[in-house]
Structure formats: structure tokens, C-alpha cells
Protein backbone atom coordinates (compact mmCIF):
# COMPACT_ATOMS: atom_id res chain seq x y z
CA UNK A 1 -14.04 -5.97 -0.63
CA UNK A 2 -15.05 -4.85 -4.11
CA UNK A 3 -11.48 -4.78 -5.46
CA UNK A 4 -9.42 -7.95 -5.86
CA UNK A 5 -5.84 -7.33 -7.02
CA UNK A 6 -4.51 -9.63 -9.74
CA UNK A 7 -1.11 -11.24 -10.13
CA UNK A 8 1.59 -10.00 -7.78
CA UNK A 9 -0.27 -6.81 -6.86
CA UNK A 10 -1.54 -5.83 -3.39
CA UNK A 11 -4.19 -3.34 -2.28
CA UNK A 12 -2.83 -0.96 0.36
CA UNK A 13 -4.71 1.60 2.47
CA UNK A 14 -2.28 4.48 3.11
CA UNK A 15 -1.82 5.48 6.75
CA UNK A 16 -2.27 9.25 6.93
CA UNK A 17 0.08 11.29 9.08
CA UNK A 18 -1.34 13.56 11.74
CA UNK A 19 -2.19 17.21 11.18
CA UNK A 20 0.10 18.40 13.98
CA UNK A 21 3.87 17.93 13.76
CA UNK A 22 5.98 16.93 16.77
CA UNK A 23 6.75 20.58 17.52
CA UNK A 24 3.04 21.47 17.65
CA UNK A 25 2.99 23.07 14.19
CA UNK A 26 -0.25 22.49 12.27
CA UNK A 27 0.43 21.19 8.75
CA UNK A 28 -2.05 22.19 6.02
CA UNK A 29 -3.25 19.52 3.57
CA UNK A 30 -1.34 21.12 0.69
CA UNK A 31 2.00 20.79 2.51
CA UNK A 32 1.58 17.18 3.63
CA UNK A 33 3.73 14.58 1.94
CA UNK A 34 2.20 11.54 0.34
CA UNK A 35 2.05 8.72 2.91
CA UNK A 36 4.71 6.03 2.65
CA UNK A 37 3.19 3.65 5.19
CA UNK A 38 0.11 1.60 4.54
CA UNK A 39 -1.91 -1.40 5.66
CA UNK A 40 -2.40 -4.29 3.25
CA UNK A 41 -6.11 -4.82 2.64
CA UNK A 42 -5.95 -7.57 -0.01
CA UNK A 43 -3.34 -9.57 -1.94
CA UNK A 44 -3.50 -10.76 -5.52
CA UNK A 45 -3.49 -14.23 -7.00
CA UNK A 46 0.31 -14.49 -7.09
CA UNK A 47 3.03 -14.22 -9.70
CA UNK A 48 3.87 -17.23 -11.85
CA UNK A 49 7.43 -18.43 -12.35
CA UNK A 50 8.80 -19.87 -15.62
CA UNK A 51 7.40 -23.32 -14.78
CA UNK A 52 3.89 -21.97 -14.15
CA UNK A 53 4.07 -22.37 -10.37
CA UNK A 54 2.67 -19.62 -8.14
CA UNK A 55 5.35 -17.75 -6.17
CA UNK A 56 4.06 -17.17 -2.60
CA UNK A 57 3.73 -13.64 -1.27
CA UNK A 58 6.15 -12.29 1.36
CA UNK A 59 3.39 -10.04 2.74
CA UNK A 60 -0.10 -10.83 3.99
CA UNK A 61 -3.37 -9.07 4.69
CA UNK A 62 -3.04 -6.79 7.74
CA UNK A 63 0.71 -6.15 7.39
CA UNK A 64 1.91 -2.54 7.75
CA UNK A 65 4.31 -1.82 4.90
CA UNK A 66 6.60 0.92 3.65
CA UNK A 67 5.89 1.94 0.05
CA UNK A 68 7.64 4.26 -2.40
CA UNK A 69 6.22 7.81 -2.36
CA UNK A 70 5.09 7.88 -5.96
CA UNK A 71 4.63 4.23 -6.93
CA UNK A 72 1.50 2.26 -7.70
CA UNK A 73 -1.95 3.26 -8.87
CA UNK A 74 -4.30 5.33 -6.72
CA UNK A 75 -7.90 4.04 -6.51
CA UNK A 76 -10.92 5.59 -4.75
CA UNK A 77 -13.64 3.33 -3.35
CA UNK A 78 -16.40 4.35 -0.93
CA UNK A 79 -14.72 7.71 -0.19
CA UNK A 80 -11.44 6.01 0.78
CA UNK A 81 -8.21 6.16 -1.19
CA UNK A 82 -6.17 3.03 -1.79
CA UNK A 83 -2.96 2.20 -3.66
CA UNK A 84 -2.47 -0.84 -5.85
CA UNK A 85 1.24 -1.70 -5.93
CA UNK A 86 3.31 -4.66 -7.03
CA UNK A 87 4.75 -6.73 -4.22
CA UNK A 88 8.22 -6.04 -5.67
CA UNK A 89 7.64 -2.29 -5.11
CA UNK A 90 7.03 -2.71 -1.36
CA UNK A 91 10.18 -1.60 0.45
CA UNK A 92 9.68 -3.21 3.88
CA UNK A 93 7.24 -4.70 6.37
CA UNK A 94 7.03 -2.58 9.53
CA UNK A 95 6.72 -4.19 12.94
């Protein structure tokens, strides 16, 4: 991996929704919503508390998570799009 998140940030690969809705309707790219689910690709070095101790992450590499629609920073690497978000911004672990 060429990107290593720092601090309490994680690198997430968004999980794209399918092009066909449940009713069989084809959804064009312009009408698709931004994905809220993603797979954690890498975790940062950890956040420090007031005493200088590293606070452990609640998520790990490979977890499928629920993210806010418009949070984080979008990054492109090798024709793939990733999101860098703070661990605090992750809403839930799925599964």
C-alpha cells in the first residue's frame, strides 16, 4: 500500500452499489448516491491521549464499516478511489 494513514485516520475503499435496483430499474452514474459502506484497507498510527499513550483502534483492516455520506477526504490511487476518515467519524462496523 502506498498510502499510510496517520493518527486516528483509516483508509477505506468504498463499496459501490449495483447498477440495477431491486425492482430491475437501471440507475445511471449521475443518480447514484455516494457509498456509505466501505472496507478498511489500512489504519493509522493511533490517537494519543493526554498522557501520551496510544488509544487502540476499535476497527481493524478488513472490517466493513458504515461511513457518513460526505465525510472524509477522497483520494485516488491506481485508478481506485479511497476515503480517508477519522475513526471517530465511522458510524458502525457491519457484520
